[in-house]
Amino acid sequence: MTSSSANEPPQSGPWELKDMRVLLVEDSWQIGMALKRLLRSMGAEVLGPVATTAEAESLLAEPAPDVALVDFNLRGGERAHGLIDRLYGQGIRVVVVSGYGDLPVPPEKIAAILQKPIVEEQLLAALRPVMKPSR
């Protein structure tokens, strides 16, 4: 993750993640915790991080997340195809996070693909369609 200053919270401009529920599926503990801290600092409620499809599906109870950040390659060599299909079928916006540029993911089922390391501005751009205007 990149930032202009490690000690300052990111600026989200006129948007914020307040009241947004984010499902975080990431098998790297360090990346997952860094993303969780970042999202929480912007006001999001974060479900996870979790490292497998089964763990992610256990968090899909009501109320459903507004968006899911999903690493494509999960723990134990698992791929996120089935999870992405399920999230898409439930109308949950999916942002795929990966260290790989070419992923076998149907473009109609995802909102964006973010390359690791994640740039905060790109993350906010991917989340903007489900953000609520600040009051």
Protein backbone atom coordinates (compact mmCIF):
# COMPACT_ATOMS: atom_id res chain seq x y z
CA MET A 1 0.00 0.00 0.00
CA THR A 2 1.27 3.43 -0.81
CA SER A 3 0.53 6.68 0.93
CA SER A 4 1.76 10.26 0.93
CA SER A 5 2.50 10.04 4.63
CA ALA A 6 2.59 6.98 6.82
CA ASN A 7 1.45 9.00 9.84
CA GLU A 8 -1.54 10.78 8.30
CA PRO A 9 -4.89 9.13 7.59
CA PRO A 10 -5.83 9.09 3.90
CA GLN A 11 -8.03 11.89 2.69
CA SER A 12 -11.24 10.71 1.07
CA GLY A 13 -12.41 14.15 -0.06
CA PRO A 14 -16.16 14.65 -0.05
CA TRP A 15 -16.70 10.86 0.23
CA GLU A 16 -16.18 8.57 3.12
CA LEU A 17 -16.62 4.90 3.84
CA LYS A 18 -18.86 5.53 6.86
CA ASP A 19 -21.60 2.90 7.11
CA MET A 20 -20.01 0.81 4.32
CA ARG A 21 -19.64 -2.92 5.05
CA VAL A 22 -16.56 -4.38 3.36
CA LEU A 23 -15.82 -8.10 3.13
CA LEU A 24 -12.04 -8.52 3.04
CA VAL A 25 -10.71 -11.80 1.61
CA GLU A 26 -6.90 -11.85 1.66
CA ASP A 27 -4.60 -14.74 2.49
CA SER A 28 -1.59 -12.56 3.35
CA TRP A 29 -1.98 -11.61 7.01
CA GLN A 30 0.15 -8.46 6.62
CA ILE A 31 -1.74 -7.17 3.59
CA GLY A 32 -5.10 -8.09 5.12
CA MET A 33 -4.38 -6.24 8.37
CA ALA A 34 -3.00 -3.19 6.53
CA LEU A 35 -6.13 -3.03 4.36
CA LYS A 36 -8.35 -3.48 7.40
CA ARG A 37 -6.64 -0.59 9.22
CA LEU A 38 -6.90 1.62 6.14
CA LEU A 39 -10.58 0.86 5.55
CA ARG A 40 -11.46 1.33 9.24
CA SER A 41 -9.58 4.66 9.31
CA MET A 42 -11.96 5.80 6.56
CA GLY A 43 -15.01 4.69 8.55
CA ALA A 44 -15.79 1.30 6.99
CA GLU A 45 -16.99 -1.73 8.91
CA VAL A 46 -14.63 -4.52 7.86
CA LEU A 47 -15.60 -8.19 7.85
CA GLY A 48 -12.36 -10.15 7.97
CA PRO A 49 -9.75 -10.44 6.76
CA VAL A 50 -10.30 -14.10 5.95
CA ALA A 51 -8.06 -16.33 3.86
CA THR A 52 -10.41 -18.89 2.25
CA THR A 53 -13.69 -19.06 0.39
CA ALA A 54 -15.30 -21.04 3.24
CA GLU A 55 -14.33 -18.38 5.79
CA ALA A 56 -15.64 -15.64 3.49
CA GLU A 57 -18.96 -17.42 2.96
CA SER A 58 -19.39 -17.71 6.72
CA LEU A 59 -19.42 -13.89 6.87
CA LEU A 60 -22.10 -13.43 4.21
CA ALA A 61 -24.97 -13.26 6.70
CA GLU A 62 -27.38 -10.36 6.83
CA PRO A 63 -26.78 -7.58 6.49
CA ALA A 64 -24.72 -8.40 3.43
CA PRO A 65 -21.54 -6.45 2.71
CA ASP A 66 -21.76 -3.52 0.29
CA VAL A 67 -18.54 -4.53 -1.41
CA ALA A 68 -15.97 -7.33 -1.28
CA LEU A 69 -12.23 -6.96 -1.74
CA VAL A 70 -11.12 -10.41 -2.88
CA ASP A 71 -7.60 -11.68 -3.44
CA PHE A 72 -7.86 -14.07 -6.39
CA ASN A 73 -5.24 -16.57 -5.18
CA LEU A 74 -6.17 -17.72 -1.69
CA ARG A 75 -4.67 -19.99 0.98
CA GLY A 76 -3.69 -23.49 -0.07
CA GLY A 77 -3.78 -22.72 -3.81
CA GLU A 78 -7.52 -22.03 -3.76
CA ARG A 79 -8.84 -19.70 -6.47
CA ALA A 80 -11.69 -17.27 -5.84
CA HIS A 81 -13.85 -18.17 -8.90
CA GLY A 82 -16.72 -19.66 -6.91
CA LEU A 83 -16.71 -16.90 -4.31
CA ILE A 84 -16.77 -14.21 -7.00
CA ASP A 85 -19.70 -15.98 -8.67
CA ARG A 86 -21.61 -16.15 -5.38
CA LEU A 87 -20.95 -12.50 -4.50
CA TYR A 88 -21.96 -11.38 -7.98
CA GLY A 89 -25.13 -13.49 -7.74
CA GLN A 90 -26.02 -11.73 -4.48
CA GLY A 91 -25.50 -8.30 -6.03
CA ILE A 92 -22.37 -7.54 -4.01
CA ARG A 93 -19.80 -5.38 -5.79
CA VAL A 94 -16.52 -7.30 -6.17
CA VAL A 95 -13.08 -5.70 -6.40
CA VAL A 96 -10.37 -8.26 -7.11
CA VAL A 97 -6.95 -7.67 -5.57
CA SER A 98 -3.99 -9.53 -7.04
CA GLY A 99 -0.29 -9.48 -7.66
CA TYR A 100 -0.98 -10.90 -11.12
CA GLY A 101 -2.00 -8.77 -14.09
CA ASP A 102 -3.84 -11.34 -16.18
CA LEU A 103 -6.63 -13.08 -14.30
CA PRO A 104 -9.24 -15.49 -15.67
CA VAL A 105 -12.18 -13.51 -14.24
CA PRO A 106 -15.26 -12.62 -16.32
CA PRO A 107 -15.21 -8.79 -16.50
CA GLU A 108 -18.98 -8.54 -16.06
CA LYS A 109 -18.71 -10.08 -12.57
CA ILE A 110 -16.19 -7.65 -11.13
CA ALA A 111 -16.04 -3.90 -10.67
CA ALA A 112 -12.25 -3.59 -10.83
CA ILE A 113 -8.93 -5.37 -10.53
CA LEU A 114 -6.40 -3.69 -8.27
CA GLN A 115 -2.74 -4.61 -8.52
CA LYS A 116 -0.68 -5.15 -5.39
CA PRO A 117 0.71 -3.03 -3.88
CA ILE A 118 -2.61 -1.22 -3.67
CA VAL A 119 -2.65 2.53 -4.22
CA GLU A 120 -5.14 4.25 -1.91
CA GLU A 121 -6.52 6.50 -4.65
CA GLN A 122 -7.24 3.48 -6.86
CA LEU A 123 -8.93 1.70 -3.96
CA LEU A 124 -11.16 4.72 -3.32
CA ALA A 125 -11.99 4.96 -7.04
CA ALA A 126 -13.06 1.29 -7.03
CA LEU A 127 -15.22 1.83 -3.93
CA ARG A 128 -16.66 5.22 -4.96
CA PRO A 129 -19.82 3.82 -6.64
CA VAL A 130 -21.00 2.37 -3.30
CA MET A 131 -19.78 5.21 -1.08
CA LYS A 132 -22.26 7.40 0.68
CA PRO A 133 -21.77 11.19 0.50
CA SER A 134 -20.51 12.68 3.74
CA ARG A 135 -23.00 14.63 5.74
